[in-house]
């Protein structure tokens, strides 16, 4: 069995919500914001016994840079009328 120092630091859904501070924003359902981060590709959860778990490194990245992902291709041009 691995010791605590050998295990990867993971946080469960309710711990990740508190870690990112979504519970302090006054949102009615902060778990919906977590699902949005997952669907946009900012977070990649692991499913353990049917529950979401997140790596602490990924949560740190989302906390520092937000949910922005690098864009691919040419920048979008807006047509001037």
N, C-alpha and C. Protein backbone atom coordinates (compact mmCIF):
# COMPACT_ATOMS: atom_id res chain seq x y z
N UNK A 1 0.84 -1.17 0.00
CA UNK A 1 0.00 0.00 0.00
C UNK A 1 0.88 1.24 0.00
N UNK A 2 0.47 2.24 -0.77
CA UNK A 2 1.27 3.46 -0.90
C UNK A 2 1.05 4.38 0.30
N UNK A 3 2.11 5.08 0.65
CA UNK A 3 1.97 6.07 1.71
C UNK A 3 1.37 7.35 1.13
N UNK A 4 1.04 8.29 2.00
CA UNK A 4 0.41 9.53 1.54
C UNK A 4 1.33 10.34 0.64
N UNK A 5 2.64 10.28 0.87
CA UNK A 5 3.55 11.05 0.04
C UNK A 5 3.72 10.45 -1.36
N UNK A 6 3.43 9.16 -1.53
CA UNK A 6 3.55 8.50 -2.83
C UNK A 6 2.29 8.63 -3.67
N UNK A 7 1.17 8.93 -3.06
CA UNK A 7 -0.09 9.04 -3.80
C UNK A 7 -0.18 10.36 -4.54
N UNK A 8 -0.86 10.31 -5.67
CA UNK A 8 -1.08 11.54 -6.43
C UNK A 8 -2.09 12.40 -5.69
N UNK A 9 -1.85 13.70 -5.57
CA UNK A 9 -2.80 14.57 -4.86
C UNK A 9 -4.05 14.78 -5.70
N UNK A 10 -5.15 14.20 -5.26
CA UNK A 10 -6.43 14.38 -5.95
C UNK A 10 -7.42 15.00 -4.98
N UNK A 11 -8.39 15.68 -5.55
CA UNK A 11 -9.46 16.29 -4.77
C UNK A 11 -10.79 15.81 -5.32
N UNK A 12 -11.71 15.51 -4.44
CA UNK A 12 -13.05 15.12 -4.85
C UNK A 12 -13.81 16.36 -5.30
N UNK A 13 -14.99 16.16 -5.85
CA UNK A 13 -15.77 17.26 -6.43
C UNK A 13 -16.01 18.37 -5.41
N UNK A 14 -16.50 18.04 -4.22
CA UNK A 14 -16.80 19.08 -3.24
C UNK A 14 -15.53 19.77 -2.75
N UNK A 15 -14.42 19.05 -2.69
CA UNK A 15 -13.16 19.67 -2.30
C UNK A 15 -12.63 20.59 -3.41
N UNK A 16 -12.82 20.18 -4.66
CA UNK A 16 -12.37 21.00 -5.79
C UNK A 16 -13.19 22.29 -5.89
N UNK A 17 -14.47 22.22 -5.59
CA UNK A 17 -15.32 23.41 -5.60
C UNK A 17 -14.82 24.41 -4.56
N UNK A 18 -14.48 23.91 -3.38
CA UNK A 18 -13.96 24.78 -2.32
C UNK A 18 -12.57 25.29 -2.68
N UNK A 19 -11.74 24.43 -3.28
CA UNK A 19 -10.38 24.81 -3.65
C UNK A 19 -10.37 25.94 -4.68
N UNK A 20 -11.26 25.87 -5.66
CA UNK A 20 -11.35 26.92 -6.69
C UNK A 20 -12.12 28.14 -6.21
N UNK A 21 -12.81 28.04 -5.10
CA UNK A 21 -13.55 29.17 -4.56
C UNK A 21 -14.91 29.38 -5.19
N UNK A 22 -15.44 28.36 -5.85
CA UNK A 22 -16.75 28.51 -6.49
C UNK A 22 -17.88 28.61 -5.47
N UNK A 23 -17.67 28.06 -4.29
CA UNK A 23 -18.70 28.14 -3.26
C UNK A 23 -18.80 29.54 -2.66
N UNK A 24 -17.76 30.34 -2.80
CA UNK A 24 -17.77 31.70 -2.24
C UNK A 24 -18.26 32.74 -3.24
N UNK A 25 -18.59 32.34 -4.45
CA UNK A 25 -19.06 33.28 -5.47
C UNK A 25 -20.56 33.55 -5.40
N UNK A 26 -21.26 32.84 -4.56
CA UNK A 26 -22.70 33.03 -4.44
C UNK A 26 -23.49 32.28 -5.50
N UNK A 27 -22.88 31.28 -6.12
CA UNK A 27 -23.59 30.48 -7.11
C UNK A 27 -24.59 29.56 -6.42
N UNK A 28 -25.73 29.37 -7.04
CA UNK A 28 -26.73 28.48 -6.46
C UNK A 28 -26.27 27.03 -6.57
N UNK A 29 -25.72 26.66 -7.74
CA UNK A 29 -25.23 25.29 -7.94
C UNK A 29 -23.80 25.35 -8.47
N UNK A 30 -22.82 25.39 -7.58
CA UNK A 30 -21.43 25.49 -8.05
C UNK A 30 -20.95 24.24 -8.77
N UNK A 31 -21.62 23.10 -8.57
CA UNK A 31 -21.21 21.89 -9.29
C UNK A 31 -21.49 22.01 -10.78
N UNK A 32 -22.47 22.84 -11.17
CA UNK A 32 -22.73 23.08 -12.59
C UNK A 32 -21.55 23.80 -13.24
N UNK A 33 -20.91 24.69 -12.49
CA UNK A 33 -19.72 25.38 -13.00
C UNK A 33 -18.59 24.38 -13.21
N UNK A 34 -18.47 23.40 -12.33
CA UNK A 34 -17.44 22.36 -12.49
C UNK A 34 -17.72 21.52 -13.72
N UNK A 35 -18.99 21.16 -13.94
CA UNK A 35 -19.35 20.38 -15.12
C UNK A 35 -19.07 21.17 -16.40
N UNK A 36 -19.24 22.52 -16.35
CA UNK A 36 -18.94 23.36 -17.49
C UNK A 36 -17.44 23.34 -17.79
N UNK A 37 -16.62 23.40 -16.75
CA UNK A 37 -15.18 23.33 -16.94
C UNK A 37 -14.77 21.99 -17.55
N UNK A 38 -15.45 20.92 -17.16
CA UNK A 38 -15.16 19.60 -17.72
C UNK A 38 -15.59 19.54 -19.18
N UNK A 39 -16.78 20.06 -19.48
CA UNK A 39 -17.28 19.96 -20.86
C UNK A 39 -16.49 20.86 -21.81
N UNK A 40 -15.94 21.96 -21.32
CA UNK A 40 -15.12 22.83 -22.16
C UNK A 40 -13.71 22.31 -22.33
N UNK A 41 -13.31 21.32 -21.58
CA UNK A 41 -12.00 20.73 -21.72
C UNK A 41 -10.94 21.34 -20.84
N UNK A 42 -11.33 22.21 -19.91
CA UNK A 42 -10.35 22.82 -19.02
C UNK A 42 -9.90 21.83 -17.94
N UNK A 43 -10.79 20.93 -17.53
CA UNK A 43 -10.48 19.92 -16.52
C UNK A 43 -10.73 18.53 -17.09
N UNK A 44 -9.92 17.58 -16.66
CA UNK A 44 -10.09 16.19 -17.07
C UNK A 44 -10.26 15.36 -15.80
N UNK A 45 -11.51 15.03 -15.46
CA UNK A 45 -11.73 14.31 -14.20
C UNK A 45 -11.43 12.83 -14.33
N UNK A 46 -11.23 12.22 -13.20
CA UNK A 46 -11.12 10.77 -13.10
C UNK A 46 -12.36 10.28 -12.37
N UNK A 47 -12.87 9.17 -12.80
CA UNK A 47 -14.04 8.62 -12.12
C UNK A 47 -13.57 7.50 -11.20
N UNK A 48 -13.80 7.68 -9.93
CA UNK A 48 -13.45 6.69 -8.92
C UNK A 48 -14.73 6.33 -8.19
N UNK A 49 -15.17 5.11 -8.33
CA UNK A 49 -16.40 4.62 -7.71
C UNK A 49 -17.60 5.48 -8.08
N UNK A 50 -17.62 5.95 -9.31
CA UNK A 50 -18.76 6.73 -9.79
C UNK A 50 -18.72 8.20 -9.41
N UNK A 51 -17.65 8.67 -8.78
CA UNK A 51 -17.53 10.06 -8.37
C UNK A 51 -16.36 10.70 -9.09
N UNK A 52 -16.47 12.00 -9.33
CA UNK A 52 -15.40 12.73 -10.00
C UNK A 52 -14.29 13.05 -9.02
N UNK A 53 -13.06 12.88 -9.48
CA UNK A 53 -11.86 13.29 -8.75
C UNK A 53 -10.98 14.07 -9.71
N UNK A 54 -10.31 15.10 -9.20
CA UNK A 54 -9.51 15.98 -10.03
C UNK A 54 -8.09 16.04 -9.50
N UNK A 55 -7.12 16.14 -10.42
CA UNK A 55 -5.73 16.32 -10.03
C UNK A 55 -5.54 17.74 -9.51
N UNK A 56 -4.74 17.86 -8.48
CA UNK A 56 -4.49 19.18 -7.90
C UNK A 56 -3.71 20.06 -8.86
N UNK A 57 -2.84 19.48 -9.69
CA UNK A 57 -2.07 20.27 -10.66
C UNK A 57 -2.99 20.93 -11.68
N UNK A 58 -4.00 20.19 -12.16
CA UNK A 58 -4.94 20.77 -13.12
C UNK A 58 -5.77 21.87 -12.48
N UNK A 59 -6.17 21.69 -11.24
CA UNK A 59 -6.94 22.72 -10.55
C UNK A 59 -6.10 23.98 -10.36
N UNK A 60 -4.80 23.81 -10.11
CA UNK A 60 -3.91 24.97 -9.99
C UNK A 60 -3.83 25.72 -11.31
N UNK A 61 -3.76 24.99 -12.42
CA UNK A 61 -3.72 25.63 -13.74
C UNK A 61 -5.00 26.41 -14.03
N UNK A 62 -6.15 25.83 -13.69
CA UNK A 62 -7.42 26.51 -13.92
C UNK A 62 -7.52 27.73 -13.02
N UNK A 63 -7.00 27.64 -11.80
CA UNK A 63 -7.05 28.78 -10.89
C UNK A 63 -6.18 29.94 -11.38
N UNK A 64 -5.05 29.63 -12.04
CA UNK A 64 -4.16 30.70 -12.47
C UNK A 64 -4.55 31.29 -13.83
N UNK A 65 -4.90 30.43 -14.80
CA UNK A 65 -5.15 30.95 -16.15
C UNK A 65 -6.60 30.91 -16.57
N UNK A 66 -7.47 30.39 -15.75
CA UNK A 66 -8.88 30.31 -16.11
C UNK A 66 -9.14 29.12 -17.00
N UNK A 67 -10.26 29.15 -17.72
CA UNK A 67 -10.62 28.01 -18.56
C UNK A 67 -10.20 28.19 -20.00
N UNK A 68 -9.25 29.10 -20.26
CA UNK A 68 -8.81 29.33 -21.63
C UNK A 68 -7.97 28.17 -22.12
N UNK A 69 -8.23 27.77 -23.33
CA UNK A 69 -7.42 26.76 -24.00
C UNK A 69 -6.72 27.42 -25.16
N UNK A 70 -5.57 26.91 -25.57
CA UNK A 70 -4.93 27.49 -26.74
C UNK A 70 -5.79 27.28 -27.98
N UNK A 71 -5.98 28.32 -28.74
CA UNK A 71 -6.80 28.25 -29.95
C UNK A 71 -5.96 27.69 -31.10
N UNK A 72 -6.63 27.03 -32.00
CA UNK A 72 -5.95 26.46 -33.16
C UNK A 72 -6.36 27.22 -34.41
N UNK A 73 -5.47 27.26 -35.37
CA UNK A 73 -5.80 27.87 -36.64
C UNK A 73 -5.58 29.36 -36.67
N UNK A 74 -6.09 29.97 -37.71
CA UNK A 74 -5.92 31.40 -37.89
C UNK A 74 -6.90 32.16 -37.03
N UNK A 75 -6.54 33.38 -36.66
CA UNK A 75 -7.48 34.18 -35.88
C UNK A 75 -8.72 34.50 -36.69
N UNK A 76 -9.81 34.62 -36.03
CA UNK A 76 -11.07 34.90 -36.70
C UNK A 76 -11.11 36.35 -37.14
N UNK A 77 -11.53 36.59 -38.37
CA UNK A 77 -11.62 37.94 -38.89
C UNK A 77 -13.09 38.40 -38.83
N UNK A 78 -13.26 39.60 -38.38
CA UNK A 78 -14.59 40.19 -38.36
C UNK A 78 -14.73 41.08 -39.58
N UNK A 79 -15.82 40.91 -40.28
CA UNK A 79 -16.05 41.69 -41.49
C UNK A 79 -16.51 43.08 -41.11
N UNK A 80 -15.89 44.08 -41.69
CA UNK A 80 -16.33 45.44 -41.44
C UNK A 80 -17.43 45.79 -42.44
N UNK A 81 -18.46 46.41 -41.96
CA UNK A 81 -19.58 46.73 -42.82
C UNK A 81 -19.52 48.12 -43.37
